[in-house]
Amino acid sequence: MARPQGCLTRTPTNDELRELRRRAAARGIPRRDHQRASIVLAVVSGASLAAAGRRAGCCENTAAFWCRRFHAHGLDGLVDRPKSGAPPWYGSAERQQVLEIGRTPPDPRRDGTATWSLELLTRRLRREPGLEHIDPTTVRRFFVEAGLSWQADRSFCTSTDPHLAEKALRSRTPMPR
């Protein structure tokens, strides 16, 4: 036997109904927003919680949950509450430090390379206090989120050879015939 819709005893305002109808008909919104609006609209129009849940593709308990949230908080109740999650390991200062080191060219003597690869940059960052456990995935994420690349200044002709300029000049002189 279906549970009565006693969890939704207040009548939604005209603005709430308009927004619920918009969400239920919208195509470019997340599925969960569409589903929650559809549940509440079905119950408001007289459907049981079980019928509203079936129509929206969820169980009766889920329909009751979202109706109770709408009853208590209105449209704001149909939004997911923030989840605690794990605390971030690196704050904005560490993130900025990663980006600064990654955007400066490596020292060929100290770092052993003329350009950064993700692995070499990660090794260099692990020598910094507070970044001893940073991994390549985190380094990559910091750069992607900032819209930057550690490879932006790479060139195929970068070398660690201090005499490269004079060797390049010699190689350009034409061979005698």
N, C-alpha and C. Protein backbone atom coordinates (compact mmCIF):
# COMPACT_ATOMS: atom_id res chain seq x y z
N MET A 1 0.84 -1.18 0.00
CA MET A 1 0.00 0.00 0.00
C MET A 1 0.89 1.24 0.00
N ALA A 2 0.55 2.20 -0.81
CA ALA A 2 1.36 3.42 -0.94
C ALA A 2 1.18 4.31 0.27
N ARG A 3 2.26 4.97 0.62
CA ARG A 3 2.24 5.90 1.73
C ARG A 3 1.49 7.17 1.32
N PRO A 4 0.70 7.76 2.21
CA PRO A 4 0.04 9.01 1.86
C PRO A 4 1.07 10.13 1.74
N GLN A 5 0.71 11.16 0.98
CA GLN A 5 1.67 12.24 0.76
C GLN A 5 1.60 13.28 1.87
N GLY A 6 1.52 12.86 3.10
CA GLY A 6 1.44 13.77 4.25
C GLY A 6 2.70 14.57 4.46
N CYS A 7 3.78 14.21 3.78
CA CYS A 7 5.03 14.96 3.97
C CYS A 7 4.99 16.29 3.24
N LEU A 8 4.02 16.52 2.37
CA LEU A 8 3.94 17.77 1.63
C LEU A 8 2.57 18.39 1.91
N THR A 9 2.48 19.09 3.04
CA THR A 9 1.19 19.66 3.42
C THR A 9 1.05 21.12 3.04
N ARG A 10 2.16 21.80 2.79
CA ARG A 10 2.03 23.21 2.41
C ARG A 10 1.86 23.33 0.90
N THR A 11 1.19 24.37 0.49
CA THR A 11 0.96 24.62 -0.94
C THR A 11 2.10 25.46 -1.47
N PRO A 12 2.75 25.04 -2.56
CA PRO A 12 3.84 25.84 -3.12
C PRO A 12 3.32 27.17 -3.66
N THR A 13 4.15 28.19 -3.61
CA THR A 13 3.78 29.49 -4.16
C THR A 13 3.77 29.41 -5.69
N ASN A 14 3.20 30.42 -6.31
CA ASN A 14 3.17 30.45 -7.78
C ASN A 14 4.58 30.47 -8.36
N ASP A 15 5.48 31.22 -7.72
CA ASP A 15 6.87 31.27 -8.20
C ASP A 15 7.54 29.90 -8.08
N GLU A 16 7.28 29.21 -6.96
CA GLU A 16 7.85 27.87 -6.79
C GLU A 16 7.30 26.91 -7.84
N LEU A 17 6.00 26.97 -8.08
CA LEU A 17 5.40 26.09 -9.10
C LEU A 17 5.98 26.38 -10.49
N ARG A 18 6.15 27.65 -10.79
CA ARG A 18 6.72 28.03 -12.09
C ARG A 18 8.14 27.46 -12.23
N GLU A 19 8.93 27.58 -11.17
CA GLU A 19 10.31 27.07 -11.21
C GLU A 19 10.34 25.55 -11.27
N LEU A 20 9.45 24.89 -10.53
CA LEU A 20 9.38 23.43 -10.57
C LEU A 20 9.01 22.95 -11.98
N ARG A 21 8.05 23.62 -12.61
CA ARG A 21 7.66 23.24 -13.98
C ARG A 21 8.81 23.47 -14.95
N ARG A 22 9.53 24.58 -14.76
CA ARG A 22 10.67 24.86 -15.63
C ARG A 22 11.73 23.76 -15.51
N ARG A 23 12.03 23.38 -14.27
CA ARG A 23 13.04 22.33 -14.04
C ARG A 23 12.57 20.98 -14.59
N ALA A 24 11.30 20.69 -14.43
CA ALA A 24 10.78 19.40 -14.89
C ALA A 24 10.79 19.32 -16.42
N ALA A 25 10.65 20.46 -17.10
CA ALA A 25 10.61 20.47 -18.56
C ALA A 25 11.97 20.74 -19.19
N ALA A 26 12.91 21.24 -18.42
CA ALA A 26 14.21 21.65 -18.97
C ALA A 26 15.03 20.44 -19.41
N ARG A 27 15.83 20.64 -20.44
CA ARG A 27 16.67 19.57 -20.95
C ARG A 27 18.13 19.72 -20.55
N GLY A 28 18.60 20.95 -20.39
CA GLY A 28 20.02 21.17 -20.16
C GLY A 28 20.41 21.25 -18.70
N ILE A 29 19.63 20.65 -17.82
CA ILE A 29 19.96 20.68 -16.40
C ILE A 29 20.33 19.28 -15.94
N PRO A 30 21.00 19.15 -14.80
CA PRO A 30 21.32 17.81 -14.31
C PRO A 30 20.07 16.97 -14.08
N ARG A 31 20.22 15.69 -14.31
CA ARG A 31 19.07 14.77 -14.20
C ARG A 31 18.46 14.80 -12.81
N ARG A 32 19.31 14.93 -11.78
CA ARG A 32 18.79 14.92 -10.41
C ARG A 32 17.85 16.11 -10.16
N ASP A 33 18.17 17.28 -10.74
CA ASP A 33 17.30 18.45 -10.56
C ASP A 33 15.95 18.22 -11.25
N HIS A 34 16.01 17.64 -12.43
CA HIS A 34 14.79 17.31 -13.17
C HIS A 34 13.94 16.31 -12.37
N GLN A 35 14.60 15.28 -11.85
CA GLN A 35 13.90 14.23 -11.11
C GLN A 35 13.24 14.79 -9.85
N ARG A 36 13.95 15.61 -9.10
CA ARG A 36 13.40 16.15 -7.85
C ARG A 36 12.21 17.07 -8.12
N ALA A 37 12.31 17.90 -9.14
CA ALA A 37 11.19 18.77 -9.49
C ALA A 37 9.99 17.95 -9.93
N SER A 38 10.24 16.90 -10.70
CA SER A 38 9.14 16.04 -11.16
C SER A 38 8.43 15.35 -10.00
N ILE A 39 9.19 14.93 -9.01
CA ILE A 39 8.59 14.28 -7.83
C ILE A 39 7.66 15.24 -7.12
N VAL A 40 8.17 16.44 -6.82
CA VAL A 40 7.37 17.40 -6.07
C VAL A 40 6.13 17.81 -6.87
N LEU A 41 6.28 18.04 -8.16
CA LEU A 41 5.12 18.41 -8.99
C LEU A 41 4.07 17.30 -9.01
N ALA A 42 4.51 16.06 -9.09
CA ALA A 42 3.55 14.95 -9.12
C ALA A 42 2.78 14.87 -7.81
N VAL A 43 3.49 15.03 -6.68
CA VAL A 43 2.82 14.96 -5.38
C VAL A 43 1.89 16.15 -5.20
N VAL A 44 2.30 17.34 -5.64
CA VAL A 44 1.45 18.53 -5.54
C VAL A 44 0.16 18.33 -6.35
N SER A 45 0.29 17.66 -7.51
CA SER A 45 -0.89 17.46 -8.34
C SER A 45 -1.74 16.28 -7.88
N GLY A 46 -1.40 15.66 -6.75
CA GLY A 46 -2.27 14.63 -6.17
C GLY A 46 -1.78 13.20 -6.27
N ALA A 47 -0.65 12.95 -6.89
CA ALA A 47 -0.14 11.58 -7.00
C ALA A 47 0.39 11.12 -5.65
N SER A 48 0.36 9.82 -5.43
CA SER A 48 0.94 9.27 -4.20
C SER A 48 2.46 9.30 -4.31
N LEU A 49 3.14 9.13 -3.19
CA LEU A 49 4.61 9.13 -3.21
C LEU A 49 5.13 7.99 -4.06
N ALA A 50 4.48 6.83 -3.98
CA ALA A 50 4.92 5.67 -4.78
C ALA A 50 4.77 5.96 -6.27
N ALA A 51 3.64 6.55 -6.65
CA ALA A 51 3.42 6.86 -8.07
C ALA A 51 4.39 7.94 -8.54
N ALA A 52 4.61 8.96 -7.70
CA ALA A 52 5.56 10.02 -8.08
C ALA A 52 6.96 9.45 -8.22
N GLY A 53 7.34 8.56 -7.32
CA GLY A 53 8.65 7.93 -7.40
C GLY A 53 8.79 7.08 -8.65
N ARG A 54 7.77 6.28 -8.94
CA ARG A 54 7.81 5.44 -10.15
C ARG A 54 7.94 6.30 -11.40
N ARG A 55 7.16 7.37 -11.44
CA ARG A 55 7.18 8.25 -12.60
C ARG A 55 8.57 8.90 -12.78
N ALA A 56 9.23 9.22 -11.65
CA ALA A 56 10.53 9.88 -11.72
C ALA A 56 11.68 8.88 -11.78
N GLY A 57 11.38 7.61 -11.60
CA GLY A 57 12.43 6.59 -11.69
C GLY A 57 13.18 6.37 -10.40
N CYS A 58 12.49 6.51 -9.27
CA CYS A 58 13.13 6.26 -7.97
C CYS A 58 12.13 5.55 -7.06
N CYS A 59 12.55 5.25 -5.87
CA CYS A 59 11.67 4.53 -4.94
C CYS A 59 10.82 5.53 -4.14
N GLU A 60 9.87 4.98 -3.43
CA GLU A 60 8.95 5.79 -2.64
C GLU A 60 9.68 6.55 -1.52
N ASN A 61 10.68 5.92 -0.92
CA ASN A 61 11.43 6.57 0.16
C ASN A 61 12.18 7.80 -0.36
N THR A 62 12.74 7.70 -1.55
CA THR A 62 13.44 8.85 -2.14
C THR A 62 12.46 9.97 -2.44
N ALA A 63 11.28 9.62 -2.95
CA ALA A 63 10.26 10.63 -3.22
C ALA A 63 9.84 11.32 -1.91
N ALA A 64 9.68 10.55 -0.85
CA ALA A 64 9.30 11.12 0.44
C ALA A 64 10.40 12.04 0.96
N PHE A 65 11.64 11.64 0.80
CA PHE A 65 12.77 12.44 1.25
C PHE A 65 12.76 13.82 0.59
N TRP A 66 12.61 13.87 -0.74
CA TRP A 66 12.65 15.15 -1.44
C TRP A 66 11.41 15.99 -1.19
N CYS A 67 10.27 15.35 -0.98
CA CYS A 67 9.06 16.10 -0.63
C CYS A 67 9.21 16.74 0.75
N ARG A 68 9.78 16.00 1.70
CA ARG A 68 10.01 16.57 3.04
C ARG A 68 10.99 17.74 2.96
N ARG A 69 12.03 17.60 2.17
CA ARG A 69 13.02 18.68 2.03
C ARG A 69 12.37 19.91 1.39
N PHE A 70 11.54 19.69 0.37
CA PHE A 70 10.85 20.82 -0.27
C PHE A 70 9.89 21.48 0.73
N HIS A 71 9.18 20.66 1.50
CA HIS A 71 8.23 21.18 2.49
C HIS A 71 8.96 22.05 3.51
N ALA A 72 10.13 21.65 3.95
CA ALA A 72 10.87 22.37 4.99
C ALA A 72 11.62 23.58 4.44
N HIS A 73 12.18 23.48 3.24
CA HIS A 73 13.10 24.53 2.76
C HIS A 73 12.72 25.13 1.41
N GLY A 74 11.63 24.71 0.82
CA GLY A 74 11.24 25.24 -0.48
C GLY A 74 12.20 24.75 -1.57
N LEU A 75 12.43 25.56 -2.58
CA LEU A 75 13.30 25.17 -3.70
C LEU A 75 14.73 24.92 -3.25
N ASP A 76 15.17 25.64 -2.21
CA ASP A 76 16.53 25.42 -1.69
C ASP A 76 16.70 24.01 -1.13
N GLY A 77 15.61 23.40 -0.71
CA GLY A 77 15.69 22.04 -0.17
C GLY A 77 15.94 20.99 -1.24
N LEU A 78 15.75 21.33 -2.50
CA LEU A 78 15.98 20.37 -3.58
C LEU A 78 17.43 20.35 -4.06
N VAL A 79 18.27 21.15 -3.44
CA VAL A 79 19.69 21.20 -3.78
C VAL A 79 20.45 20.31 -2.81
N ASP A 80 21.47 19.61 -3.30
CA ASP A 80 22.29 18.78 -2.44
C ASP A 80 22.95 19.62 -1.36
N ARG A 81 23.00 19.10 -0.16
CA ARG A 81 23.72 19.78 0.91
C ARG A 81 25.21 19.54 0.71
N PRO A 82 26.04 20.46 1.19
CA PRO A 82 27.48 20.25 1.05
C PRO A 82 27.92 19.00 1.81
N LYS A 83 28.83 18.28 1.22
CA LYS A 83 29.36 17.08 1.86
C LYS A 83 30.71 17.42 2.47
N SER A 84 31.03 16.77 3.56
CA SER A 84 32.25 17.11 4.27
C SER A 84 33.49 16.75 3.47
N GLY A 85 33.61 15.51 3.05
CA GLY A 85 34.77 15.09 2.27
C GLY A 85 36.05 15.20 3.06
N ALA A 86 37.13 14.80 2.43
CA ALA A 86 38.43 14.89 3.07
C ALA A 86 38.94 16.32 2.98
N PRO A 87 39.66 16.77 4.01
CA PRO A 87 40.19 18.13 3.94
C PRO A 87 41.27 18.22 2.87
N PRO A 88 41.41 19.37 2.24
CA PRO A 88 42.44 19.50 1.20
C PRO A 88 43.84 19.38 1.81
N TRP A 89 44.72 18.72 1.09
CA TRP A 89 46.10 18.56 1.56
C TRP A 89 46.90 19.82 1.31
N TYR A 90 46.61 20.48 0.22
CA TYR A 90 47.40 21.65 -0.18
C TYR A 90 46.49 22.86 -0.28
N GLY A 91 46.88 23.93 0.39
CA GLY A 91 46.12 25.16 0.36
C GLY A 91 46.54 26.04 -0.80
N SER A 92 46.06 27.28 -0.79
CA SER A 92 46.35 28.19 -1.89
C SER A 92 47.83 28.57 -1.94
N ALA A 93 48.50 28.63 -0.78
CA ALA A 93 49.93 28.98 -0.77
C ALA A 93 50.75 27.88 -1.46
N GLU A 94 50.46 26.62 -1.13
CA GLU A 94 51.19 25.52 -1.77
C GLU A 94 50.88 25.45 -3.26
N ARG A 95 49.63 25.68 -3.60
CA ARG A 95 49.23 25.67 -5.01
C ARG A 95 50.00 26.75 -5.78
N GLN A 96 50.09 27.94 -5.20
CA GLN A 96 50.82 29.02 -5.85
C GLN A 96 52.30 28.69 -5.98
N GLN A 97 52.86 28.05 -4.96
CA GLN A 97 54.26 27.64 -4.99
C GLN A 97 54.52 26.64 -6.12
N VAL A 98 53.62 25.68 -6.28
CA VAL A 98 53.73 24.70 -7.37
C VAL A 98 53.71 25.40 -8.72
N LEU A 99 52.80 26.32 -8.90
CA LEU A 99 52.68 27.03 -10.18
C LEU A 99 53.90 27.89 -10.45
N GLU A 100 54.42 28.56 -9.42
CA GLU A 100 55.60 29.41 -9.62
C GLU A 100 56.82 28.58 -10.00
N ILE A 101 57.05 27.49 -9.30
CA ILE A 101 58.21 26.65 -9.61
C ILE A 101 58.05 26.04 -10.99
N GLY A 102 56.85 25.61 -11.33
CA GLY A 102 56.62 25.00 -12.64
C GLY A 102 56.74 25.96 -13.79
N ARG A 103 56.47 27.24 -13.57
CA ARG A 103 56.54 28.23 -14.65
C ARG A 103 57.94 28.82 -14.81
N THR A 104 58.85 28.53 -13.88
CA THR A 104 60.23 28.98 -14.05
C THR A 104 61.03 27.87 -14.72
N PRO A 105 61.94 28.22 -15.63
CA PRO A 105 62.72 27.17 -16.29
C PRO A 105 63.61 26.44 -15.28
N PRO A 106 63.85 25.18 -15.48
CA PRO A 106 64.69 24.43 -14.54
C PRO A 106 66.15 24.86 -14.65
N ASP A 107 66.88 24.68 -13.57
CA ASP A 107 68.32 24.91 -13.57
C ASP A 107 68.97 23.61 -14.05
N PRO A 108 69.63 23.64 -15.19
CA PRO A 108 70.17 22.39 -15.74
C PRO A 108 71.15 21.69 -14.80
N ARG A 109 71.92 22.45 -14.05
CA ARG A 109 72.89 21.81 -13.14
C ARG A 109 72.19 21.18 -11.95
N ARG A 110 71.26 21.91 -11.36
CA ARG A 110 70.59 21.41 -10.16
C ARG A 110 69.53 20.38 -10.49
N ASP A 111 68.73 20.65 -11.53
CA ASP A 111 67.60 19.79 -11.85
C ASP A 111 67.93 18.71 -12.87
N GLY A 112 69.04 18.86 -13.60
CA GLY A 112 69.46 17.85 -14.55
C GLY A 112 68.64 17.82 -15.83
N THR A 113 67.93 18.90 -16.12
CA THR A 113 67.13 18.95 -17.34
C THR A 113 67.01 20.38 -17.82
N ALA A 114 66.76 20.53 -19.10
CA ALA A 114 66.58 21.86 -19.67
C ALA A 114 65.10 22.24 -19.73
N THR A 115 64.21 21.25 -19.71
CA THR A 115 62.77 21.51 -19.73
C THR A 115 62.09 20.58 -18.73
N TRP A 116 60.93 21.00 -18.25
CA TRP A 116 60.19 20.18 -17.30
C TRP A 116 59.39 19.10 -18.00
N SER A 117 59.45 17.92 -17.45
CA SER A 117 58.42 16.91 -17.71
C SER A 117 57.62 16.85 -16.42
N LEU A 118 56.49 16.23 -16.44
CA LEU A 118 55.67 16.17 -15.23
C LEU A 118 56.40 15.44 -14.11
N GLU A 119 57.08 14.37 -14.46
CA GLU A 119 57.81 13.59 -13.46
C GLU A 119 58.98 14.38 -12.88
N LEU A 120 59.74 15.06 -13.73
CA LEU A 120 60.88 15.84 -13.24
C LEU A 120 60.43 17.03 -12.40
N LEU A 121 59.34 17.67 -12.79
CA LEU A 121 58.80 18.77 -12.00
C LEU A 121 58.34 18.27 -10.64
N THR A 122 57.71 17.11 -10.61
CA THR A 122 57.24 16.55 -9.34
C THR A 122 58.43 16.25 -8.43
N ARG A 123 59.49 15.68 -8.98
CA ARG A 123 60.70 15.41 -8.18
C ARG A 123 61.26 16.70 -7.60
N ARG A 124 61.28 17.75 -8.42
CA ARG A 124 61.80 19.05 -7.95
C ARG A 124 60.91 19.60 -6.84
N LEU A 125 59.59 19.49 -6.98
CA LEU A 125 58.67 20.02 -5.97
C LEU A 125 58.79 19.27 -4.66
N ARG A 126 59.10 17.99 -4.71
CA ARG A 126 59.21 17.19 -3.48
C ARG A 126 60.39 17.62 -2.62
N ARG A 127 61.29 18.41 -3.17
CA ARG A 127 62.40 18.94 -2.37
C ARG A 127 61.99 20.17 -1.56
N GLU A 128 60.81 20.70 -1.83
CA GLU A 128 60.31 21.88 -1.12
C GLU A 128 59.60 21.47 0.16
N PRO A 129 59.78 22.24 1.24
CA PRO A 129 59.07 21.93 2.49
C PRO A 129 57.55 22.04 2.29
N GLY A 130 56.83 21.06 2.79
CA GLY A 130 55.38 21.04 2.68
C GLY A 130 54.88 20.34 1.42
N LEU A 131 55.77 20.05 0.48
CA LEU A 131 55.37 19.37 -0.76
C LEU A 131 56.06 18.02 -0.91
N GLU A 132 56.55 17.47 0.17
CA GLU A 132 57.33 16.23 0.12
C GLU A 132 56.54 15.05 -0.44
N HIS A 133 55.22 15.08 -0.33
CA HIS A 133 54.39 13.95 -0.75
C HIS A 133 53.51 14.26 -1.96
N ILE A 134 53.79 15.34 -2.65
CA ILE A 134 52.95 15.71 -3.80
C ILE A 134 53.14 14.69 -4.92
N ASP A 135 52.08 14.40 -5.63
CA ASP A 135 52.16 13.41 -6.71
C ASP A 135 51.89 14.08 -8.06
N PRO A 136 52.29 13.43 -9.15
CA PRO A 136 52.14 14.04 -10.47
C PRO A 136 50.70 14.40 -10.82
N THR A 137 49.75 13.63 -10.35
CA THR A 137 48.34 13.92 -10.64
C THR A 137 47.92 15.25 -10.04
N THR A 138 48.37 15.52 -8.83
CA THR A 138 48.05 16.79 -8.18
C THR A 138 48.71 17.95 -8.90
N VAL A 139 49.97 17.77 -9.30
CA VAL A 139 50.68 18.83 -10.03
C VAL A 139 49.93 19.13 -11.33
N ARG A 140 49.56 18.08 -12.06
CA ARG A 140 48.83 18.26 -13.31
C ARG A 140 47.50 18.99 -13.06
N ARG A 141 46.77 18.60 -12.00
CA ARG A 141 45.47 19.21 -11.69
C ARG A 141 45.63 20.70 -11.39
N PHE A 142 46.67 21.07 -10.61
CA PHE A 142 46.90 22.48 -10.30
C PHE A 142 47.11 23.29 -11.58
N PHE A 143 47.89 22.76 -12.52
CA PHE A 143 48.15 23.50 -13.75
C PHE A 143 46.91 23.58 -14.63
N VAL A 144 46.17 22.49 -14.73
CA VAL A 144 44.96 22.48 -15.55
C VAL A 144 43.93 23.46 -14.99
N GLU A 145 43.74 23.45 -13.67
CA GLU A 145 42.76 24.35 -13.05
C GLU A 145 43.16 25.81 -13.22
N ALA A 146 44.48 26.08 -13.29
CA ALA A 146 44.95 27.45 -13.47
C ALA A 146 45.00 27.84 -14.95
N GLY A 147 44.72 26.88 -15.84
CA GLY A 147 44.77 27.16 -17.27
C GLY A 147 46.18 27.32 -17.79
N LEU A 148 47.13 26.70 -17.12
CA LEU A 148 48.54 26.80 -17.49
C LEU A 148 49.09 25.45 -17.89
N SER A 149 50.32 25.45 -18.37
CA SER A 149 51.01 24.21 -18.69
C SER A 149 52.45 24.33 -18.25
N TRP A 150 52.97 23.29 -17.65
CA TRP A 150 54.38 23.28 -17.29
C TRP A 150 55.24 23.14 -18.54
N GLN A 151 54.64 22.79 -19.66
CA GLN A 151 55.36 22.59 -20.91
C GLN A 151 55.26 23.79 -21.84
N ALA A 152 54.65 24.87 -21.41
CA ALA A 152 54.35 25.98 -22.32
C ALA A 152 55.59 26.56 -22.99
N ASP A 153 56.72 26.56 -22.32
CA ASP A 153 57.92 27.18 -22.87
C ASP A 153 58.90 26.17 -23.44
N ARG A 154 58.47 24.95 -23.63
CA ARG A 154 59.38 23.92 -24.14
C ARG A 154 59.75 24.19 -25.59
N SER A 155 60.96 23.83 -25.92
CA SER A 155 61.44 23.98 -27.28
C SER A 155 62.26 22.76 -27.63
N PHE A 156 62.24 22.36 -28.88
CA PHE A 156 62.98 21.17 -29.27
C PHE A 156 64.48 21.44 -29.28
N CYS A 157 64.90 22.71 -29.27
CA CYS A 157 66.33 23.01 -29.37
C CYS A 157 66.92 23.50 -28.05
N THR A 158 66.25 23.29 -26.94
CA THR A 158 66.80 23.66 -25.64
C THR A 158 67.84 22.62 -25.25
N SER A 159 68.94 23.09 -24.71
CA SER A 159 70.03 22.18 -24.37
C SER A 159 70.65 22.59 -23.05
N THR A 160 71.29 21.64 -22.39
CA THR A 160 72.03 21.92 -21.16
C THR A 160 73.48 22.27 -21.46
N ASP A 161 73.87 22.22 -22.73
CA ASP A 161 75.25 22.49 -23.14
C ASP A 161 75.53 23.99 -23.08
N PRO A 162 76.53 24.43 -22.21
CA PRO A 162 76.82 25.85 -22.13
C PRO A 162 77.48 26.41 -23.39
N HIS A 163 78.04 25.55 -24.23
CA HIS A 163 78.71 25.99 -25.44
C HIS A 163 77.83 25.86 -26.68
N LEU A 164 76.54 25.71 -26.51
CA LEU A 164 75.64 25.48 -27.63
C LEU A 164 75.66 26.64 -28.62
N ALA A 165 75.71 27.87 -28.13
CA ALA A 165 75.64 29.03 -29.02
C ALA A 165 76.81 29.05 -30.00
N GLU A 166 78.01 28.83 -29.50
CA GLU A 166 79.17 28.85 -30.41
C GLU A 166 79.18 27.64 -31.34
N LYS A 167 78.71 26.49 -30.88
CA LYS A 167 78.62 25.32 -31.75
C LYS A 167 77.60 25.56 -32.85
N ALA A 168 76.51 26.23 -32.51
CA ALA A 168 75.48 26.51 -33.51
C ALA A 168 76.02 27.43 -34.59
N LEU A 169 76.84 28.42 -34.20
CA LEU A 169 77.44 29.33 -35.19
C LEU A 169 78.36 28.55 -36.13
N ARG A 170 79.17 27.66 -35.58
CA ARG A 170 80.09 26.87 -36.40
C ARG A 170 79.34 25.96 -37.37
N SER A 171 78.20 25.46 -36.94
CA SER A 171 77.48 24.54 -37.80
C SER A 171 76.77 25.26 -38.95
N ARG A 172 76.62 26.57 -38.83
CA ARG A 172 75.95 27.32 -39.89
C ARG A 172 76.91 27.75 -41.00
N THR A 173 78.18 27.75 -40.74
CA THR A 173 79.13 28.18 -41.78
C THR A 173 79.15 27.13 -42.89
N PRO A 174 79.13 27.58 -44.13
CA PRO A 174 79.07 26.62 -45.21
C PRO A 174 80.37 25.80 -45.33
N MET A 175 80.22 24.61 -45.79
CA MET A 175 81.37 23.72 -45.99
C MET A 175 82.13 24.20 -47.23
N PRO A 176 83.47 24.17 -47.18
CA PRO A 176 84.24 24.55 -48.40
C PRO A 176 84.04 23.52 -49.47
N ARG A 177 84.06 23.97 -50.73
CA ARG A 177 83.88 23.05 -51.85
C ARG A 177 85.16 22.63 -52.41
